[in-house]
């Protein structure tokens, strides 16, 4: 009996071919940098796995950790869908801090720009509450994936929050 891990990856669904440049296992190099007006700047390490199962969407996990101790930090998982035949993209994300985001935007070549459309949180989420998220992914000329995140909270206007550059480990 073979397991799913032993089977071949199904063909890429043509609907998501405009996002194929995102596929792979990526590791932050150099480490990511975090900032926000209300916190002390910090560094983090992150692994991003962006895959597909032959469906018209990408699957993703982002797992960050403390670069010194290896202690697990933030986790995100979800799906990236494209409105077939268009450049409109939806990013559906669940986070271990109790936030669920739906961001929408557009893919333009090897750049994906997104803005939150809906944010929900668990009833006991830590304050201040996130109110808005803007996210951008791009593939650099060197073949690295960059992610930039800005956010606004209930007490702070939209401001830069995260920047990470990933090196591809595998397709």
C-alpha atoms as a PDB file:
ATOM      1  CA  UNK A   1       0.000   0.000   0.000  1.00  0.00           C
ATOM      2  CA  UNK A   2       1.489   3.348  -1.000  1.00  0.00           C
ATOM      3  CA  UNK A   3       1.016   6.531   0.949  1.00  0.00           C
ATOM      4  CA  UNK A   4       0.138   9.949  -0.431  1.00  0.00           C
ATOM      5  CA  UNK A   5       3.768  10.961   0.153  1.00  0.00           C
ATOM      6  CA  UNK A   6       4.880   8.192  -2.222  1.00  0.00           C
ATOM      7  CA  UNK A   7       2.584   9.273  -5.041  1.00  0.00           C
ATOM      8  CA  UNK A   8       3.488  11.717  -7.774  1.00  0.00           C
ATOM      9  CA  UNK A   9       2.318  15.296  -7.536  1.00  0.00           C
ATOM     10  CA  UNK A  10      -0.703  15.751  -9.806  1.00  0.00           C
ATOM     11  CA  UNK A  11      -0.446  18.113 -12.761  1.00  0.00           C
ATOM     12  CA  UNK A  12      -0.781  21.802 -11.999  1.00  0.00           C
ATOM     13  CA  UNK A  13      -4.343  22.971 -12.507  1.00  0.00           C
ATOM     14  CA  UNK A  14      -4.185  25.463 -15.404  1.00  0.00           C
ATOM     15  CA  UNK A  15      -6.263  27.971 -13.414  1.00  0.00           C
ATOM     16  CA  UNK A  16      -3.341  28.592 -11.058  1.00  0.00           C
ATOM     17  CA  UNK A  17      -0.536  28.703 -13.617  1.00  0.00           C
ATOM     18  CA  UNK A  18      -0.195  32.517 -13.085  1.00  0.00           C
ATOM     19  CA  UNK A  19       0.865  31.682  -9.487  1.00  0.00           C
ATOM     20  CA  UNK A  20       3.242  28.789 -10.304  1.00  0.00           C
ATOM     21  CA  UNK A  21       6.266  30.975  -9.500  1.00  0.00           C
ATOM     22  CA  UNK A  22       5.288  30.765  -5.813  1.00  0.00           C
ATOM     23  CA  UNK A  23       5.472  26.955  -5.615  1.00  0.00           C
ATOM     24  CA  UNK A  24       8.163  25.341  -3.490  1.00  0.00           C
ATOM     25  CA  UNK A  25       9.680  25.002  -0.070  1.00  0.00           C
ATOM     26  CA  UNK A  26      11.351  28.248   0.895  1.00  0.00           C
ATOM     27  CA  UNK A  27      13.493  29.231   3.883  1.00  0.00           C
ATOM     28  CA  UNK A  28      14.215  32.770   5.081  1.00  0.00           C
ATOM     29  CA  UNK A  29      17.684  33.900   4.100  1.00  0.00           C
ATOM     30  CA  UNK A  30      18.593  36.229   5.628  1.00  0.00           C
ATOM     31  CA  UNK A  31      16.190  36.046   8.546  1.00  0.00           C
ATOM     32  CA  UNK A  32      12.949  37.996   8.538  1.00  0.00           C
ATOM     33  CA  UNK A  33      12.589  41.347  10.251  1.00  0.00           C
ATOM     34  CA  UNK A  34       9.549  42.491  12.189  1.00  0.00           C
ATOM     35  CA  UNK A  35       8.605  45.952  13.349  1.00  0.00           C
ATOM     36  CA  UNK A  36       5.565  47.955  14.324  1.00  0.00           C
ATOM     37  CA  UNK A  37       5.264  51.327  16.079  1.00  0.00           C
ATOM     38  CA  UNK A  38       4.021  49.685  19.300  1.00  0.00           C
ATOM     39  CA  UNK A  39       6.598  46.866  19.608  1.00  0.00           C
ATOM     40  CA  UNK A  40      10.350  46.328  19.809  1.00  0.00           C
ATOM     41  CA  UNK A  41      11.794  45.327  16.414  1.00  0.00           C
ATOM     42  CA  UNK A  42      12.560  41.607  16.152  1.00  0.00           C
ATOM     43  CA  UNK A  43      14.155  39.003  13.892  1.00  0.00           C
ATOM     44  CA  UNK A  44      12.689  35.651  12.963  1.00  0.00           C
ATOM     45  CA  UNK A  45      13.385  32.590  10.873  1.00  0.00           C
ATOM     46  CA  UNK A  46      10.635  31.210   8.632  1.00  0.00           C
ATOM     47  CA  UNK A  47       9.904  28.266   6.403  1.00  0.00           C
ATOM     48  CA  UNK A  48       7.244  28.667   3.730  1.00  0.00           C
ATOM     49  CA  UNK A  49       5.763  25.668   1.947  1.00  0.00           C
ATOM     50  CA  UNK A  50       3.584  26.510  -1.046  1.00  0.00           C
ATOM     51  CA  UNK A  51       2.180  23.492  -2.839  1.00  0.00           C
ATOM     52  CA  UNK A  52      -0.777  22.241  -4.842  1.00  0.00           C
ATOM     53  CA  UNK A  53      -2.843  19.068  -5.039  1.00  0.00           C
ATOM     54  CA  UNK A  54      -4.057  19.469  -8.614  1.00  0.00           C
ATOM     55  CA  UNK A  55      -6.951  21.665  -7.501  1.00  0.00           C
ATOM     56  CA  UNK A  56      -7.478  25.260  -8.703  1.00  0.00           C
ATOM     57  CA  UNK A  57      -5.668  26.677  -5.640  1.00  0.00           C
ATOM     58  CA  UNK A  58      -2.331  26.703  -3.882  1.00  0.00           C
ATOM     59  CA  UNK A  59      -1.925  25.434  -0.312  1.00  0.00           C
ATOM     60  CA  UNK A  60       0.478  27.185   2.049  1.00  0.00           C
ATOM     61  CA  UNK A  61       2.035  27.039   5.495  1.00  0.00           C
ATOM     62  CA  UNK A  62       4.313  29.691   6.979  1.00  0.00           C
ATOM     63  CA  UNK A  63       6.112  28.599  10.154  1.00  0.00           C
ATOM     64  CA  UNK A  64       8.266  31.142  11.946  1.00  0.00           C
ATOM     65  CA  UNK A  65      10.625  30.547  14.823  1.00  0.00           C
ATOM     66  CA  UNK A  66      13.060  32.382  17.050  1.00  0.00           C
ATOM     67  CA  UNK A  67      16.392  32.469  15.148  1.00  0.00           C
ATOM     68  CA  UNK A  68      18.413  31.982  18.346  1.00  0.00           C
ATOM     69  CA  UNK A  69      16.426  29.338  20.231  1.00  0.00           C
ATOM     70  CA  UNK A  70      14.414  27.662  17.469  1.00  0.00           C
ATOM     71  CA  UNK A  71      11.270  28.145  19.575  1.00  0.00           C
ATOM     72  CA  UNK A  72       8.101  28.095  17.466  1.00  0.00           C
ATOM     73  CA  UNK A  73       6.477  31.485  16.978  1.00  0.00           C
ATOM     74  CA  UNK A  74       3.789  32.449  14.483  1.00  0.00           C
ATOM     75  CA  UNK A  75       2.029  29.932  12.204  1.00  0.00           C
ATOM     76  CA  UNK A  76      -0.207  30.572   9.192  1.00  0.00           C
ATOM     77  CA  UNK A  77      -1.870  28.104   6.864  1.00  0.00           C
ATOM     78  CA  UNK A  78      -4.407  28.359   4.108  1.00  0.00           C
ATOM     79  CA  UNK A  79      -5.091  28.640   0.422  1.00  0.00           C
ATOM     80  CA  UNK A  80      -4.425  30.972  -2.481  1.00  0.00           C
ATOM     81  CA  UNK A  81      -7.169  30.936  -5.106  1.00  0.00           C
ATOM     82  CA  UNK A  82      -7.359  32.708  -8.421  1.00  0.00           C
ATOM     83  CA  UNK A  83     -10.546  33.742 -10.167  1.00  0.00           C
ATOM     84  CA  UNK A  84      -9.995  31.616 -13.268  1.00  0.00           C
ATOM     85  CA  UNK A  85      -9.277  33.609 -16.405  1.00  0.00           C
ATOM     86  CA  UNK A  86      -8.520  36.788 -14.438  1.00  0.00           C
ATOM     87  CA  UNK A  87      -5.672  38.185 -12.357  1.00  0.00           C
ATOM     88  CA  UNK A  88      -7.915  38.398  -9.245  1.00  0.00           C
ATOM     89  CA  UNK A  89      -6.574  36.404  -6.304  1.00  0.00           C
ATOM     90  CA  UNK A  90      -7.914  35.472  -2.864  1.00  0.00           C
ATOM     91  CA  UNK A  91      -5.631  34.588   0.068  1.00  0.00           C
ATOM     92  CA  UNK A  92      -7.439  32.643   2.822  1.00  0.00           C
ATOM     93  CA  UNK A  93      -5.367  32.362   6.004  1.00  0.00           C
ATOM     94  CA  UNK A  94      -5.823  30.911   9.503  1.00  0.00           C
ATOM     95  CA  UNK A  95      -3.299  31.939  12.154  1.00  0.00           C
ATOM     96  CA  UNK A  96      -2.340  30.317  15.452  1.00  0.00           C
ATOM     97  CA  UNK A  97      -3.072  33.594  17.266  1.00  0.00           C
ATOM     98  CA  UNK A  98      -6.793  33.114  16.573  1.00  0.00           C
ATOM     99  CA  UNK A  99      -7.138  35.359  13.521  1.00  0.00           C
ATOM    100  CA  UNK A 100      -8.624  34.340  10.177  1.00  0.00           C
ATOM    101  CA  UNK A 101      -8.009  36.595   7.191  1.00  0.00           C
ATOM    102  CA  UNK A 102      -9.414  36.825   3.709  1.00  0.00           C
ATOM    103  CA  UNK A 103      -7.274  39.059   1.558  1.00  0.00           C
ATOM    104  CA  UNK A 104      -7.917  39.839  -2.082  1.00  0.00           C
ATOM    105  CA  UNK A 105      -5.814  41.423  -4.769  1.00  0.00           C
ATOM    106  CA  UNK A 106      -4.120  40.860  -8.085  1.00  0.00           C
ATOM    107  CA  UNK A 107      -1.255  38.899  -9.562  1.00  0.00           C
ATOM    108  CA  UNK A 108       0.826  40.830 -12.085  1.00  0.00           C
ATOM    109  CA  UNK A 109       3.613  38.709 -13.543  1.00  0.00           C
ATOM    110  CA  UNK A 110       5.662  37.531 -10.572  1.00  0.00           C
ATOM    111  CA  UNK A 111       4.110  39.892  -8.027  1.00  0.00           C
ATOM    112  CA  UNK A 112       1.024  39.329  -5.892  1.00  0.00           C
ATOM    113  CA  UNK A 113      -0.486  42.291  -4.033  1.00  0.00           C
ATOM    114  CA  UNK A 114      -3.256  41.689  -1.478  1.00  0.00           C
ATOM    115  CA  UNK A 115      -5.385  43.677   0.974  1.00  0.00           C
ATOM    116  CA  UNK A 116      -7.625  42.323   3.727  1.00  0.00           C
ATOM    117  CA  UNK A 117     -11.282  42.104   2.890  1.00  0.00           C
ATOM    118  CA  UNK A 118     -12.377  40.267   6.018  1.00  0.00           C
ATOM    119  CA  UNK A 119     -10.761  39.655   9.424  1.00  0.00           C
ATOM    120  CA  UNK A 120     -12.244  37.531  12.191  1.00  0.00           C
ATOM    121  CA  UNK A 121     -10.814  36.547  15.543  1.00  0.00           C
ATOM    122  CA  UNK A 122     -11.496  34.329  18.490  1.00  0.00           C
ATOM    123  CA  UNK A 123     -13.438  35.998  21.313  1.00  0.00           C
ATOM    124  CA  UNK A 124     -10.406  36.058  23.615  1.00  0.00           C
ATOM    125  CA  UNK A 125      -7.857  37.350  21.078  1.00  0.00           C
ATOM    126  CA  UNK A 126      -5.153  39.578  22.493  1.00  0.00           C
ATOM    127  CA  UNK A 127      -5.650  43.332  22.109  1.00  0.00           C
ATOM    128  CA  UNK A 128      -5.033  45.531  20.240  1.00  0.00           C
ATOM    129  CA  UNK A 129      -6.969  43.737  17.497  1.00  0.00           C
ATOM    130  CA  UNK A 130      -5.680  43.593  13.939  1.00  0.00           C
ATOM    131  CA  UNK A 131      -8.003  45.654  11.717  1.00  0.00           C
ATOM    132  CA  UNK A 132      -6.283  45.556   8.308  1.00  0.00           C
ATOM    133  CA  UNK A 133      -3.516  43.607   6.572  1.00  0.00           C
ATOM    134  CA  UNK A 134      -1.730  44.387   3.301  1.00  0.00           C
ATOM    135  CA  UNK A 135       0.595  41.749   1.892  1.00  0.00           C
ATOM    136  CA  UNK A 136       2.871  41.577  -1.119  1.00  0.00           C
ATOM    137  CA  UNK A 137       4.795  38.647  -2.581  1.00  0.00           C
ATOM    138  CA  UNK A 138       7.281  38.950  -5.420  1.00  0.00           C
ATOM    139  CA  UNK A 139       9.905  36.827  -7.098  1.00  0.00           C
ATOM    140  CA  UNK A 140      13.199  38.706  -7.373  1.00  0.00           C
ATOM    141  CA  UNK A 141      15.564  38.658 -10.343  1.00  0.00           C
ATOM    142  CA  UNK A 142      17.775  36.335  -8.236  1.00  0.00           C
ATOM    143  CA  UNK A 143      14.930  33.811  -7.902  1.00  0.00           C
ATOM    144  CA  UNK A 144      14.153  34.618  -4.267  1.00  0.00           C
ATOM    145  CA  UNK A 145      10.642  35.038  -2.901  1.00  0.00           C
ATOM    146  CA  UNK A 146       9.957  38.178  -0.880  1.00  0.00           C
ATOM    147  CA  UNK A 147       7.004  38.792   1.398  1.00  0.00           C
ATOM    148  CA  UNK A 148       6.157  42.183   2.884  1.00  0.00           C
ATOM    149  CA  UNK A 149       3.300  42.669   5.355  1.00  0.00           C
ATOM    150  CA  UNK A 150       1.822  45.906   6.700  1.00  0.00           C
ATOM    151  CA  UNK A 151      -0.976  46.021   9.253  1.00  0.00           C
ATOM    152  CA  UNK A 152      -3.252  48.306  11.199  1.00  0.00           C
ATOM    153  CA  UNK A 153      -4.662  47.601  14.646  1.00  0.00           C
ATOM    154  CA  UNK A 154      -7.428  49.106  16.727  1.00  0.00           C
ATOM    155  CA  UNK A 155      -4.824  51.527  18.136  1.00  0.00           C
ATOM    156  CA  UNK A 156      -2.378  52.037  15.249  1.00  0.00           C
ATOM    157  CA  UNK A 157      -2.751  53.126  11.612  1.00  0.00           C
ATOM    158  CA  UNK A 158      -1.436  50.987   8.758  1.00  0.00           C
ATOM    159  CA  UNK A 159       2.336  50.587   9.129  1.00  0.00           C
ATOM    160  CA  UNK A 160       5.099  48.215   7.976  1.00  0.00           C
ATOM    161  CA  UNK A 161       5.210  45.019  10.032  1.00  0.00           C
ATOM    162  CA  UNK A 162       7.161  42.170   8.380  1.00  0.00           C
ATOM    163  CA  UNK A 163       9.704  41.703   5.628  1.00  0.00           C
ATOM    164  CA  UNK A 164      11.244  38.371   4.710  1.00  0.00           C
ATOM    165  CA  UNK A 165      13.261  37.078   1.769  1.00  0.00           C
ATOM    166  CA  UNK A 166      13.187  33.326   1.117  1.00  0.00           C
ATOM    167  CA  UNK A 167      15.639  31.079  -0.701  1.00  0.00           C
ATOM    168  CA  UNK A 168      14.078  28.125  -2.512  1.00  0.00           C
ATOM    169  CA  UNK A 169      15.002  24.734  -1.036  1.00  0.00           C
ATOM    170  CA  UNK A 170      12.937  22.572  -3.377  1.00  0.00           C
ATOM    171  CA  UNK A 171      10.221  22.759  -5.993  1.00  0.00           C
END
